[in-house]
């Protein structure tokens, strides 16, 4: 990695993890006292009902010990023994989640419950008679980037039933700030409308050049300033299938950036490492329309099990300052299959994704609208925007498993890269490998806490050496 890592800054991550667990546990307590069914996997959900009458001695019966680790009794299936094979192969990840996370949590959660800590913390960060509004401090650290601290706030049934508001704001003194405000309205049980505005200004975005052969050694920085306003509609139908439509306006302005000792984009370009990409240093405003169709046979639940998923998506955009010559079309498809190895949310997955970007006029597509790999979606071991070009192909093998209540582990190995127009220049020797392992805590509603460590390689033609390391912790940015 080049540049300086985020050392020496505040690191209140452990307190945020405790807050997330406490909020989730107290949510279960509220559900039980209000008569609602508590969420699956919670300690309360695992507590059996009290007997109809107390013993004749007059003493209250002792409750059964709750399932604090959230994993249920050991499986009885004969095939469950086969799980030891992937556990041996993936023993570092297994040992870390088993002995560093799950077992300490199985002791910490009952101790916190005994001290009534979840309810106290939940009351501290939530408001109203039904606790439908509240906030939580959040933050994010990714090595080789500026960290951030901020706040996540929510208000359910704001003004009327089914109207939910979400606020996500983060900043850091070294010239970066971001925020988003979302209003989600439940039209029916399966349909919702969403209005969203987001804005971000940060100086530490990375750029390495376009194409499959870009080098980690050419890391440069650019500043990105953008504002996005959108309205969308989501329809959830058969099992986990969805149709999402969206229309919006996006204003983007890029310029030279900075972080640590890394050169700016234009300075690195002057060395001959790469050409200045189209759209750099020129503000543009896009009107865009998006359609995503996902057919998913998996049951609609917190931790989906076995099934198949096919997703098709397309986005058409026009630069309002240069229409129609500046129009572009982004589109792609994903086919995936998932197998729950023992019916207890140990899910093995395999997916193949292709992505494309084509101009609809004579003007080139701005580099910020091209296909990109890295970040929080595909090939997690790379920084966001590490790989950019006109198309991409990625195959991903993944494994997800429950570590404890509200805590999930995930591991993925992906092979892929970006290429020219419609995979022009595709070659097996140009593929890269991305490996990542992480955990996520889903206690903060729409703001899960995640931790991830990833290693990425150069292309096989460049001997596939590991040259990219990604380490992150906190609430990933949704801007």
Protein backbone atom coordinates (compact mmCIF):
# COMPACT_ATOMS: atom_id res chain seq x y z
CA UNK A 1 0.00 0.00 0.00
CA UNK A 2 1.12 3.53 -0.63
CA UNK A 3 0.33 6.51 1.51
CA UNK A 4 -0.07 6.64 5.25
CA UNK A 5 -2.54 4.50 7.10
CA UNK A 6 -4.97 6.11 9.51
CA UNK A 7 -2.85 5.79 12.65
CA UNK A 8 -3.21 7.64 15.87
CA UNK A 9 -6.83 8.72 15.34
CA UNK A 10 -9.69 8.02 17.72
CA UNK A 11 -10.76 4.37 17.75
CA UNK A 12 -14.12 4.08 19.53
CA UNK A 13 -15.13 1.04 17.54
CA UNK A 14 -15.66 -1.26 20.52
CA UNK A 15 -18.23 1.10 21.99
CA UNK A 16 -20.13 1.19 18.69
CA UNK A 17 -20.21 -2.62 18.61
CA UNK A 18 -21.60 -2.70 22.17
CA UNK A 19 -24.21 -0.08 21.20
CA UNK A 20 -25.24 -2.14 18.15
CA UNK A 21 -25.63 -5.31 20.21
CA UNK A 22 -27.48 -3.46 22.96
CA UNK A 23 -29.90 -1.79 20.54
CA UNK A 24 -30.67 -5.11 18.88
CA UNK A 25 -31.19 -6.94 22.20
CA UNK A 26 -33.41 -4.17 23.52
CA UNK A 27 -35.42 -4.24 20.30
CA UNK A 28 -36.17 -7.86 21.10
CA UNK A 29 -37.21 -6.90 24.64
CA UNK A 30 -39.57 -4.25 23.25
CA UNK A 31 -41.06 -6.74 20.81
CA UNK A 32 -41.74 -9.20 23.63
CA UNK A 33 -43.36 -6.65 25.94
CA UNK A 34 -45.53 -5.28 23.11
CA UNK A 35 -46.79 -8.73 22.15
CA UNK A 36 -44.89 -8.93 18.85
CA UNK A 37 -42.91 -12.03 17.98
CA UNK A 38 -39.22 -11.51 18.85
CA UNK A 39 -36.71 -11.84 16.03
CA UNK A 40 -35.34 -15.26 15.23
CA UNK A 41 -31.94 -15.96 16.73
CA UNK A 42 -32.32 -13.58 19.67
CA UNK A 43 -31.82 -14.71 23.22
CA UNK A 44 -35.43 -13.84 24.04
CA UNK A 45 -36.78 -15.77 21.08
CA UNK A 46 -35.00 -18.86 22.39
CA UNK A 47 -36.57 -18.59 25.87
CA UNK A 48 -39.44 -21.05 26.27
CA UNK A 49 -42.79 -19.95 27.62
CA UNK A 50 -43.30 -20.17 31.37
CA UNK A 51 -45.46 -23.01 32.64
CA UNK A 52 -49.12 -22.31 33.26
CA UNK A 53 -48.82 -22.66 37.05
CA UNK A 54 -45.98 -22.18 39.52
CA UNK A 55 -44.78 -24.99 41.80
CA UNK A 56 -46.71 -25.55 45.03
CA UNK A 57 -43.74 -24.18 46.99
CA UNK A 58 -44.70 -20.70 45.82
CA UNK A 59 -41.28 -20.05 44.26
CA UNK A 60 -41.11 -18.81 40.66
CA UNK A 61 -39.82 -21.51 38.27
CA UNK A 62 -36.37 -20.94 36.84
CA UNK A 63 -36.29 -20.36 33.11
CA UNK A 64 -34.28 -22.54 30.80
CA UNK A 65 -30.88 -21.18 29.79
CA UNK A 66 -31.38 -19.08 26.61
CA UNK A 67 -29.50 -19.84 23.43
CA UNK A 68 -27.11 -16.93 23.86
CA UNK A 69 -24.85 -17.80 20.95
CA UNK A 70 -27.82 -17.89 18.55
CA UNK A 71 -26.74 -21.07 16.77
CA UNK A 72 -29.26 -23.63 18.06
CA UNK A 73 -28.52 -27.19 19.17
CA UNK A 74 -25.88 -29.24 17.35
CA UNK A 75 -27.17 -30.67 14.05
CA UNK A 76 -28.12 -34.35 13.98
CA UNK A 77 -27.80 -34.83 10.21
CA UNK A 78 -25.20 -37.41 9.16
CA UNK A 79 -23.85 -35.02 6.53
CA UNK A 80 -23.07 -32.38 9.13
CA UNK A 81 -19.71 -34.01 9.77
CA UNK A 82 -18.65 -32.87 6.30
CA UNK A 83 -18.59 -29.31 7.63
CA UNK A 84 -15.23 -30.10 9.23
CA UNK A 85 -13.65 -30.15 5.75
CA UNK A 86 -14.27 -26.44 5.02
CA UNK A 87 -13.55 -25.66 8.68
CA UNK A 88 -10.07 -27.17 8.38
CA UNK A 89 -9.42 -25.39 5.07
CA UNK A 90 -10.74 -22.11 6.44
CA UNK A 91 -9.40 -22.64 9.94
CA UNK A 92 -7.95 -19.11 10.39
CA UNK A 93 -11.33 -17.49 9.76
CA UNK A 94 -13.13 -20.16 11.79
CA UNK A 95 -10.81 -19.85 14.80
CA UNK A 96 -11.03 -16.06 14.75
CA UNK A 97 -14.84 -15.96 14.69
CA UNK A 98 -15.22 -18.90 17.09
CA UNK A 99 -12.77 -17.93 19.85
CA UNK A 100 -12.32 -14.19 19.36
CA UNK A 101 -15.98 -13.31 18.70
CA UNK A 102 -18.63 -15.97 19.36
CA UNK A 103 -17.45 -17.45 22.66
CA UNK A 104 -16.66 -14.10 24.34
CA UNK A 105 -20.06 -12.83 23.17
CA UNK A 106 -21.80 -15.89 24.63
CA UNK A 107 -20.43 -14.73 28.01
CA UNK A 108 -20.81 -10.98 27.51
CA UNK A 109 -24.43 -10.99 26.30
CA UNK A 110 -25.94 -12.82 29.33
CA UNK A 111 -23.86 -10.62 31.67
CA UNK A 112 -25.18 -7.50 29.93
CA UNK A 113 -28.72 -8.85 30.06
CA UNK A 114 -28.38 -9.62 33.77
CA UNK A 115 -27.31 -6.00 34.36
CA UNK A 116 -30.22 -4.76 32.20
CA UNK A 117 -27.64 -3.00 30.01
CA UNK A 118 -29.48 -3.51 26.66
CA UNK A 119 -32.60 -1.78 27.92
CA UNK A 120 -30.66 1.07 29.50
CA UNK A 121 -28.61 1.73 26.36
CA UNK A 122 -31.68 1.39 24.15
CA UNK A 123 -33.55 3.95 26.27
CA UNK A 124 -30.55 6.28 26.08
CA UNK A 125 -30.40 6.32 22.27
CA UNK A 126 -34.11 6.04 21.42
CA UNK A 127 -37.09 8.30 22.05
CA UNK A 128 -40.85 8.23 22.22
CA UNK A 129 -43.29 5.88 23.96
CA UNK A 130 -42.67 3.13 21.38
CA UNK A 131 -38.99 3.95 20.74
CA UNK A 132 -39.63 4.69 17.07
CA UNK A 133 -36.96 7.41 16.87
CA UNK A 134 -33.34 7.47 17.90
CA UNK A 135 -29.71 7.89 16.93
CA UNK A 136 -26.32 6.19 17.26
CA UNK A 137 -22.74 7.40 16.86
CA UNK A 138 -21.01 5.76 13.90
CA UNK A 139 -17.67 5.88 12.16
CA UNK A 140 -15.52 4.28 9.50
CA UNK A 141 -11.81 3.49 9.14
CA UNK A 142 -10.20 2.19 5.95
CA UNK A 143 -6.43 2.05 5.85
CA UNK A 144 -4.90 4.44 3.29
CA UNK A 145 -7.93 6.77 3.43
CA UNK A 146 -9.21 9.48 5.73
CA UNK A 147 -11.33 8.05 8.56
CA UNK A 148 -14.70 9.54 9.48
CA UNK A 149 -17.03 9.94 12.43
CA UNK A 150 -20.70 10.83 12.36
CA UNK A 151 -24.23 9.96 13.36
CA UNK A 152 -27.00 7.70 12.14
CA UNK A 153 -30.56 8.73 13.07
CA UNK A 154 -33.95 7.14 12.38
CA UNK A 155 -37.62 7.98 12.84
CA UNK A 156 -40.17 5.28 12.05
CA UNK A 157 -43.78 6.25 11.26
CA UNK A 158 -42.75 9.90 10.96
CA UNK A 159 -45.99 11.85 10.66
CA UNK A 160 -48.00 8.82 9.56
CA UNK A 161 -47.81 5.05 9.62
CA UNK A 162 -45.34 3.52 7.17
CA UNK A 163 -43.28 6.69 6.67
CA UNK A 164 -39.66 6.09 7.78
CA UNK A 165 -36.86 8.66 7.81
CA UNK A 166 -33.12 7.92 7.87
CA UNK A 167 -30.22 10.34 8.29
CA UNK A 168 -26.58 9.36 7.77
CA UNK A 169 -23.90 12.05 8.22
CA UNK A 170 -20.10 11.71 8.47
CA UNK A 171 -17.12 14.03 8.29
CA UNK A 172 -13.40 14.42 9.00
CA UNK A 173 -11.54 17.69 9.54
CA UNK A 174 -9.22 17.19 6.55
CA UNK A 175 -11.66 18.49 3.96
CA UNK A 176 -14.21 15.74 3.66
CA UNK A 177 -17.89 15.64 4.56
CA UNK A 178 -20.84 13.51 3.44
CA UNK A 179 -24.48 12.99 4.27
CA UNK A 180 -27.70 11.44 3.07
CA UNK A 181 -31.39 11.81 3.96
CA UNK A 182 -33.84 9.08 2.97
CA UNK A 183 -37.62 8.93 3.22
CA UNK A 184 -39.14 5.48 2.66
CA UNK A 185 -42.92 5.15 2.42
CA UNK A 186 -44.56 1.71 2.60
CA UNK A 187 -47.39 1.81 0.05
CA UNK A 188 -48.40 -1.82 0.67
CA UNK A 189 -46.81 -4.79 2.41
CA UNK A 190 -44.78 -5.51 -0.75
CA UNK A 191 -44.34 -2.08 -2.33
CA UNK A 192 -42.49 1.02 -1.18
CA UNK A 193 -41.50 4.43 -2.54
CA UNK A 194 -38.24 6.10 -1.59
CA UNK A 195 -37.01 9.71 -1.88
CA UNK A 196 -33.32 10.28 -1.28
CA UNK A 197 -30.78 13.10 -1.39
CA UNK A 198 -27.07 12.59 -0.77
CA UNK A 199 -23.96 14.73 -1.05
CA UNK A 200 -20.25 14.06 -0.59
CA UNK A 201 -17.00 15.95 -0.90
CA UNK A 202 -13.74 14.12 -0.26
CA UNK A 203 -10.17 14.59 -1.56
CA UNK A 204 -8.76 11.05 -1.24
CA UNK A 205 -10.32 9.00 -4.06
CA UNK A 206 -7.84 6.69 -5.82
CA UNK A 207 -7.08 6.34 -9.53
CA UNK A 208 -4.61 3.97 -11.21
CA UNK A 209 -5.47 4.34 -14.89
CA UNK A 210 -7.97 2.54 -17.11
CA UNK A 211 -7.88 -1.05 -18.29
CA UNK A 212 -7.00 -4.50 -16.95
CA UNK A 213 -3.24 -3.84 -16.71
CA UNK A 214 -3.34 -0.81 -14.38
CA UNK A 215 -0.65 -0.98 -11.69
CA UNK A 216 -0.92 -0.55 -7.93
CA UNK A 217 2.35 1.39 -8.08
CA UNK A 218 0.58 4.15 -10.06
CA UNK A 219 -1.76 5.05 -7.22
CA UNK A 220 -2.87 8.70 -7.41
CA UNK A 221 -5.53 10.82 -5.70
CA UNK A 222 -8.39 12.94 -6.96
CA UNK A 223 -11.11 14.96 -5.23
CA UNK A 224 -14.72 13.98 -5.84
CA UNK A 225 -17.69 16.25 -5.19
CA UNK A 226 -21.17 15.01 -6.02
CA UNK A 227 -24.83 15.59 -5.23
CA UNK A 228 -27.49 12.97 -6.02
CA UNK A 229 -31.29 13.35 -5.85
CA UNK A 230 -33.48 10.36 -6.70
CA UNK A 231 -36.94 8.83 -6.41
CA UNK A 232 -37.43 5.06 -6.59
CA UNK A 233 -40.09 2.38 -6.35
CA UNK A 234 -39.51 -1.18 -5.14
CA UNK A 235 -41.89 -4.09 -5.60
CA UNK A 236 -41.18 -7.31 -3.70
CA UNK A 237 -42.98 -10.31 -5.12
CA UNK A 238 -42.37 -14.07 -5.35
CA UNK A 239 -40.12 -15.14 -2.46
CA UNK A 240 -37.08 -12.78 -2.48
CA UNK A 241 -37.64 -11.40 -5.99
CA UNK A 242 -37.76 -7.63 -6.53
CA UNK A 243 -38.25 -5.01 -9.25
CA UNK A 244 -36.70 -1.60 -8.61
CA UNK A 245 -37.11 1.50 -10.77
CA UNK A 246 -35.31 4.77 -10.11
CA UNK A 247 -34.98 8.23 -11.67
CA UNK A 248 -32.66 10.96 -10.52
CA UNK A 249 -30.21 13.79 -11.07
CA UNK A 250 -26.50 13.48 -10.30
CA UNK A 251 -24.00 16.37 -10.37
CA UNK A 252 -20.30 15.39 -10.34
CA UNK A 253 -17.16 17.51 -10.22
CA UNK A 254 -13.61 16.08 -10.00
CA UNK A 255 -10.23 17.71 -9.45
CA UNK A 256 -6.77 16.91 -8.10
CA UNK A 257 -6.81 15.35 -4.63
CA UNK A 258 -4.36 14.45 -1.90
CA UNK A 259 -3.63 11.93 0.83
CA UNK A 260 -0.32 11.28 2.57
CA UNK A 261 2.53 11.24 0.10
CA UNK A 262 0.50 10.08 -2.91
CA UNK A 263 0.67 12.28 -6.03
CA UNK A 264 -2.42 13.93 -7.47
CA UNK A 265 -4.02 12.45 -10.58
CA UNK A 266 -2.70 15.05 -12.99
CA UNK A 267 0.81 14.91 -11.48
CA UNK A 268 0.97 11.11 -11.87
CA UNK A 269 -0.34 11.40 -15.43
CA UNK A 270 2.56 13.72 -16.30
CA UNK A 271 4.99 10.90 -15.46
CA UNK A 272 3.46 8.81 -18.26
CA UNK A 273 1.88 6.27 -15.90
CA UNK A 274 -1.53 6.78 -17.55
CA UNK A 275 -3.53 9.30 -19.54
CA UNK A 276 -5.85 11.79 -17.88
CA UNK A 277 -9.29 10.12 -18.13
CA UNK A 278 -12.21 11.72 -19.91
CA UNK A 279 -14.40 13.78 -17.60
CA UNK A 280 -11.64 14.65 -15.13
CA UNK A 281 -11.67 18.32 -14.16
CA UNK A 282 -14.99 18.94 -15.92
CA UNK A 283 -18.27 19.22 -14.01
CA UNK A 284 -21.30 17.46 -15.46
CA UNK A 285 -24.93 16.85 -14.48
CA UNK A 286 -26.59 13.56 -15.40
CA UNK A 287 -30.25 12.76 -15.62
CA UNK A 288 -30.47 8.99 -15.14
CA UNK A 289 -33.04 6.20 -15.14
CA UNK A 290 -32.43 2.76 -13.64
CA UNK A 291 -34.24 -0.58 -13.75
CA UNK A 292 -33.18 -3.68 -11.76
CA UNK A 293 -35.03 -7.00 -11.96
CA UNK A 294 -34.03 -9.79 -9.56
CA UNK A 295 -35.60 -13.26 -9.63
CA UNK A 296 -34.67 -14.99 -6.38
CA UNK A 297 -36.02 -18.38 -5.29
CA UNK A 298 -34.73 -18.08 -1.72
CA UNK A 299 -37.18 -17.60 1.13
CA UNK A 300 -37.62 -14.02 2.33
CA UNK A 301 -35.85 -14.11 5.70
CA UNK A 302 -32.99 -12.48 7.59
CA UNK A 303 -30.48 -15.15 6.55
CA UNK A 304 -31.53 -16.60 3.16
CA UNK A 305 -30.73 -20.26 2.57
CA UNK A 306 -30.55 -22.39 -0.57
CA UNK A 307 -31.77 -21.14 -3.93
CA UNK A 308 -30.87 -19.40 -7.17
CA UNK A 309 -30.82 -15.72 -8.12
CA UNK A 310 -30.74 -14.03 -11.51
CA UNK A 311 -30.37 -10.24 -11.61
CA UNK A 312 -30.61 -7.97 -14.65
CA UNK A 313 -29.96 -4.25 -14.44
CA UNK A 314 -29.66 -1.23 -16.71
CA UNK A 315 -29.07 2.50 -16.23
CA UNK A 316 -29.36 5.14 -18.93
CA UNK A 317 -27.94 8.62 -18.40
CA UNK A 318 -27.61 11.94 -20.23
CA UNK A 319 -25.36 14.89 -19.52
CA UNK A 320 -27.76 17.82 -19.40
CA UNK A 321 -25.00 20.12 -20.70
CA UNK A 322 -24.31 18.02 -23.79
CA UNK A 323 -27.45 16.03 -24.68
CA UNK A 324 -27.83 13.93 -26.79
CA UNK A 325 -24.21 13.31 -27.79
CA UNK A 326 -23.17 12.57 -24.20
CA UNK A 327 -25.66 9.83 -23.36
CA UNK A 328 -24.51 6.47 -21.99
CA UNK A 329 -25.94 3.09 -21.05
CA UNK A 330 -24.70 0.84 -18.23
CA UNK A 331 -26.07 -2.68 -17.99
CA UNK A 332 -25.19 -6.09 -16.60
CA UNK A 333 -26.34 -9.46 -15.32
CA UNK A 334 -25.60 -11.79 -12.41
CA UNK A 335 -26.42 -15.49 -12.09
CA UNK A 336 -25.90 -17.06 -8.67
CA UNK A 337 -26.61 -20.28 -6.80
CA UNK A 338 -26.65 -20.84 -3.03
CA UNK A 339 -26.58 -24.01 -0.95
CA UNK A 340 -27.30 -24.14 2.78
CA UNK A 341 -24.95 -26.93 3.84
CA UNK A 342 -26.91 -28.08 6.89
CA UNK A 343 -30.09 -26.01 7.10
CA UNK A 344 -28.54 -23.67 9.69
CA UNK A 345 -27.49 -20.74 7.51
CA UNK A 346 -24.05 -22.07 6.57
CA UNK A 347 -24.42 -20.98 2.95
CA UNK A 348 -22.03 -21.68 0.10
CA UNK A 349 -22.53 -19.47 -2.97
CA UNK A 350 -21.23 -19.20 -6.52
CA UNK A 351 -21.98 -16.23 -8.79
CA UNK A 352 -20.94 -14.94 -12.21
CA UNK A 353 -21.33 -11.24 -13.07
CA UNK A 354 -20.81 -9.29 -16.28
CA UNK A 355 -21.02 -5.48 -16.51
CA UNK A 356 -20.95 -3.14 -19.52
CA UNK A 357 -20.92 0.60 -20.29
CA UNK A 358 -21.57 1.97 -23.79
CA UNK A 359 -21.84 5.56 -25.07
CA UNK A 360 -25.09 6.52 -26.79
CA UNK A 361 -23.53 9.42 -28.68
CA UNK A 362 -20.23 10.66 -30.00
CA UNK A 363 -18.83 11.72 -26.63
CA UNK A 364 -16.83 9.44 -24.39
CA UNK A 365 -18.24 8.30 -21.05
CA UNK A 366 -16.79 10.15 -18.03
CA UNK A 367 -14.47 7.84 -16.10
CA UNK A 368 -16.69 8.16 -12.99
CA UNK A 369 -19.56 6.54 -14.96
CA UNK A 370 -17.58 3.60 -16.35
CA UNK A 371 -17.69 0.06 -14.96
CA UNK A 372 -15.60 -0.23 -11.80
CA UNK A 373 -14.58 -3.06 -9.46
CA UNK A 374 -13.55 -2.86 -5.82
CA UNK A 375 -15.13 -1.35 -2.74
CA UNK A 376 -18.22 -2.86 -1.16
CA UNK A 377 -19.72 -4.82 -4.08
CA UNK A 378 -17.45 -6.90 -6.32
CA UNK A 379 -13.85 -7.99 -5.60
CA UNK A 380 -13.86 -6.66 -2.04
CA UNK A 381 -10.09 -6.86 -1.56
CA UNK A 382 -9.55 -3.78 -3.76
CA UNK A 383 -10.20 -0.14 -2.96
CA UNK A 384 -13.31 1.33 -4.53
CA UNK A 385 -12.47 2.37 -8.11
CA UNK A 386 -9.26 0.31 -8.23
CA UNK A 387 -10.25 -1.22 -11.62
CA UNK A 388 -12.09 0.87 -14.26
CA UNK A 389 -12.96 0.31 -17.94
CA UNK A 390 -15.85 -0.31 -20.36
CA UNK A 391 -16.76 -3.83 -19.14
CA UNK A 392 -16.00 -6.42 -16.46
CA UNK A 393 -16.37 -10.14 -15.75
CA UNK A 394 -16.18 -11.60 -12.23
CA UNK A 395 -16.74 -15.08 -10.76
CA UNK A 396 -17.17 -15.24 -6.97
CA UNK A 397 -17.14 -18.17 -4.56
CA UNK A 398 -18.53 -17.19 -1.17
CA UNK A 399 -19.32 -18.71 2.21
CA UNK A 400 -21.48 -17.11 4.92
CA UNK A 401 -22.17 -18.42 8.40
CA UNK A 402 -23.78 -17.17 11.65
CA UNK A 403 -21.28 -16.31 14.37
CA UNK A 404 -23.84 -15.28 17.01
CA UNK A 405 -26.95 -13.17 17.48
CA UNK A 406 -26.95 -10.37 14.87
CA UNK A 407 -23.37 -11.30 13.97
CA UNK A 408 -22.48 -13.00 10.66
CA UNK A 409 -19.21 -14.07 9.08
CA UNK A 410 -18.53 -13.99 5.36
CA UNK A 411 -15.67 -15.11 3.15
CA UNK A 412 -15.23 -14.74 -0.59
CA UNK A 413 -12.70 -15.58 -3.29
CA UNK A 414 -13.25 -13.82 -6.62
CA UNK A 415 -11.51 -13.94 -10.00
CA UNK A 416 -12.09 -11.19 -12.56
CA UNK A 417 -11.01 -7.91 -14.09
CA UNK A 418 -12.15 -5.03 -16.27
CA UNK A 419 -11.78 -5.02 -20.06
CA UNK A 420 -12.53 -2.93 -23.12
CA UNK A 421 -15.77 -2.53 -25.03
CA UNK A 422 -18.02 -5.60 -24.38
CA UNK A 423 -15.14 -7.65 -22.94
CA UNK A 424 -12.80 -6.78 -25.81
CA UNK A 425 -9.30 -8.00 -25.00
CA UNK A 426 -10.51 -10.65 -22.55
CA UNK A 427 -7.72 -13.07 -21.69
CA UNK A 428 -7.51 -15.59 -18.86
CA UNK A 429 -4.00 -14.39 -18.06
CA UNK A 430 -5.39 -10.92 -17.30
CA UNK A 431 -7.61 -12.09 -14.46
CA UNK A 432 -6.88 -11.09 -10.87
CA UNK A 433 -7.69 -12.81 -7.57
CA UNK A 434 -9.45 -11.12 -4.67
CA UNK A 435 -9.80 -12.80 -1.27
CA UNK A 436 -11.60 -11.27 1.70
CA UNK A 437 -12.93 -12.33 5.09
CA UNK A 438 -15.09 -10.26 7.40
CA UNK A 439 -17.88 -10.04 9.93
CA UNK A 440 -20.95 -7.81 10.11
CA UNK A 441 -23.26 -6.74 12.92
CA UNK A 442 -26.83 -5.94 11.89
CA UNK A 443 -27.94 -4.20 15.08
CA UNK A 444 -28.15 -0.63 13.75
CA UNK A 445 -31.05 -1.19 11.35
CA UNK A 446 -29.91 0.29 8.01
CA UNK A 447 -26.35 0.92 9.24
CA UNK A 448 -24.60 -2.41 9.91
CA UNK A 449 -21.12 -2.43 11.40
CA UNK A 450 -18.63 -4.35 9.25
CA UNK A 451 -15.01 -5.43 9.57
CA UNK A 452 -13.05 -6.79 6.60
CA UNK A 453 -9.54 -7.84 5.63
CA UNK A 454 -8.79 -8.48 1.95
CA UNK A 455 -5.83 -9.34 -0.28
CA UNK A 456 -5.78 -8.65 -4.02
CA UNK A 457 -3.28 -9.64 -6.69
CA UNK A 458 -1.90 -8.30 -9.91
CA UNK A 459 -2.90 -10.17 -13.09
CA UNK A 460 -1.78 -13.75 -13.64
CA UNK A 461 0.36 -12.41 -16.52
CA UNK A 462 2.21 -10.34 -13.90
CA UNK A 463 2.75 -13.52 -11.84
CA UNK A 464 -0.31 -12.87 -9.66
CA UNK A 465 1.63 -11.32 -6.81
CA UNK A 466 -0.33 -9.91 -3.87
CA UNK A 467 0.00 -6.13 -4.01
CA UNK A 468 -3.30 -4.83 -2.63
CA UNK A 469 -4.29 -4.97 1.04
CA UNK A 470 -7.63 -3.63 2.23
CA UNK A 471 -8.53 -3.29 5.91
CA UNK A 472 -11.75 -1.57 7.02
CA UNK A 473 -13.90 -1.28 10.14
CA UNK A 474 -17.10 0.64 10.83
CA UNK A 475 -20.34 1.52 9.06
CA UNK A 476 -19.67 1.46 5.28
CA UNK A 477 -20.54 4.67 3.46
CA UNK A 478 -23.84 4.60 1.62
CA UNK A 479 -23.27 7.88 -0.23
